[in-house]
Protein backbone atom coordinates (compact mmCIF):
# COMPACT_ATOMS: atom_id res chain seq x y z
CA MET A 1 12.60 -3.47 13.70
CA GLU A 2 12.79 -7.16 12.75
CA GLU A 3 9.01 -7.52 13.01
CA GLN A 4 8.48 -4.46 10.80
CA ASN A 5 10.83 -5.87 8.12
CA THR A 6 9.01 -9.22 8.19
CA GLN A 7 5.68 -7.44 7.72
CA LEU A 8 7.16 -5.36 4.89
CA TYR A 9 8.41 -8.44 3.01
CA GLU A 10 5.08 -10.22 3.49
CA PHE A 11 3.34 -7.11 2.15
CA LEU A 12 5.59 -6.92 -0.94
CA GLU A 13 5.29 -10.67 -1.53
CA ARG A 14 1.63 -10.17 -2.47
CA LEU A 15 2.30 -7.63 -5.24
CA GLY A 16 0.76 -8.76 -8.52
CA LYS A 17 -1.06 -11.74 -7.02
CA PRO A 18 -4.66 -12.32 -8.10
CA GLY A 19 -7.19 -10.82 -5.71
CA CYS A 20 -4.60 -8.52 -4.11
CA ILE A 21 -5.29 -4.83 -4.62
CA PHE A 22 -2.68 -2.30 -3.50
CA ILE A 23 -4.06 1.14 -2.70
CA ASP A 24 -1.83 4.18 -2.41
CA LEU A 25 -3.69 6.71 -0.27
CA ARG A 26 -1.36 9.63 -0.97
CA THR A 27 -2.00 12.57 -3.28
CA PRO A 28 -1.75 12.10 -7.06
CA GLN A 29 1.50 14.09 -7.11
CA GLU A 30 3.07 11.88 -4.42
CA PHE A 31 1.87 8.82 -6.33
CA ARG A 32 3.58 10.05 -9.53
CA GLU A 33 6.83 10.56 -7.62
CA GLY A 34 6.88 6.85 -6.78
CA HIS A 35 4.52 4.00 -5.97
CA LEU A 36 4.34 0.24 -5.74
CA ALA A 37 4.02 -1.46 -9.11
CA GLY A 38 0.37 -2.08 -9.93
CA ALA A 39 -0.96 0.07 -7.09
CA VAL A 40 -4.00 2.23 -7.64
CA ASN A 41 -4.07 5.77 -6.34
CA ILE A 42 -7.12 6.56 -4.24
CA PRO A 43 -6.29 9.57 -2.06
CA TYR A 44 -7.65 9.13 1.45
CA ASP A 45 -10.04 12.08 1.01
CA ASP A 46 -11.66 10.24 -1.94
CA LEU A 47 -11.84 6.79 -0.34
CA ALA A 48 -15.34 7.07 1.14
CA LYS A 49 -16.92 7.90 -2.21
CA LYS A 50 -14.84 5.35 -4.17
CA LYS A 51 -15.05 2.35 -1.86
CA SER A 52 -18.20 1.14 -3.64
CA ARG A 53 -15.85 0.22 -6.52
CA LEU A 54 -13.85 -2.12 -4.27
CA ARG A 55 -14.75 -5.80 -3.96
CA ARG A 56 -15.02 -7.37 -0.52
CA GLN A 57 -13.59 -10.65 -1.77
CA ASP A 58 -10.29 -8.96 -2.70
CA GLN A 59 -7.50 -8.50 -0.17
CA LEU A 60 -6.78 -4.78 0.05
CA PHE A 61 -3.25 -3.61 0.88
CA LEU A 62 -3.10 0.00 2.04
CA TYR A 63 -0.19 2.38 2.30
CA CYS A 64 0.44 6.10 2.66
CA ASP A 65 3.44 8.26 3.53
CA ARG A 66 4.13 7.05 7.10
CA GLY A 67 1.28 4.68 7.93
CA ASN A 68 -1.05 6.95 9.90
CA VAL A 69 -3.52 7.72 7.12
CA SER A 70 -3.57 4.12 5.94
CA LEU A 71 -4.30 3.01 9.51
CA MET A 72 -7.41 5.23 9.54
CA ALA A 73 -8.46 3.81 6.15
CA TYR A 74 -7.77 0.29 7.44
CA ARG A 75 -10.14 0.83 10.37
CA ASP A 76 -12.87 2.28 8.13
CA LEU A 77 -12.66 -0.49 5.54
CA LYS A 78 -12.36 -3.27 8.12
CA ARG A 79 -15.50 -1.99 9.85
CA ASP A 80 -17.27 -2.13 6.46
CA GLY A 81 -16.37 -5.80 5.97
CA PHE A 82 -13.34 -5.53 3.68
CA GLN A 83 -10.25 -7.75 3.98
CA VAL A 84 -7.50 -5.23 4.67
CA THR A 85 -3.80 -5.11 5.45
CA ASN A 86 -1.99 -1.91 6.43
CA LEU A 87 1.69 -1.23 5.72
CA TRP A 88 3.15 0.03 8.99
CA GLY A 89 5.51 2.92 8.35
CA GLY A 90 4.23 3.48 4.80
CA VAL A 91 6.46 4.71 2.01
CA TYR A 92 8.97 5.92 4.58
CA ALA A 93 9.51 2.32 5.76
CA LEU A 94 9.65 1.07 2.17
CA GLU A 95 12.31 3.53 1.11
CA LYS A 96 14.35 2.79 4.21
CA ALA A 97 14.16 -0.97 3.53
CA PHE A 98 14.97 -0.52 -0.17
CA GLY A 99 18.50 0.50 0.85
CA SER A 100 19.23 -3.09 1.90
CA MET A 101 17.44 -4.81 -1.00
CA ASP A 102 18.68 -5.92 -4.39
CA GLN A 103 18.36 -2.97 -6.79
CA LYS A 104 16.75 -5.14 -9.50
CA PHE A 105 14.01 -6.08 -7.03
CA VAL A 106 13.51 -2.46 -6.01
CA ASP A 107 13.26 -1.40 -9.67
CA MET A 108 10.67 -4.11 -10.21
CA VAL A 109 8.40 -3.15 -7.29
CA TRP A 110 8.82 0.66 -7.16
CA LYS A 111 7.68 2.71 -10.13
CA LYS A 112 7.96 6.40 -10.90
CA ASN A 113 5.91 8.27 -13.51
């Protein structure tokens, strides 16, 4: 659990940094219900046809609902030469961790439409 929390904080630490692109692989409706600030929504089913818009010099940060879909996307993008990081546990892990975080921080990093 400690290792997962460390990875989660390192993942969140990169939000808003130049060259760091956060990709939410969930459906548009799930994205509207809540997403990381500044993330772009590219549903997994659309990733293959939209990856030509991604730059290989950027660091891509992927997440989905529980981490399984983003792991598949991670493998695909890594194989194609992209710099990729996957959020283990996905939104489920984020929401669980948010319970122990400062609410101002949570409000800053998690947005709802």
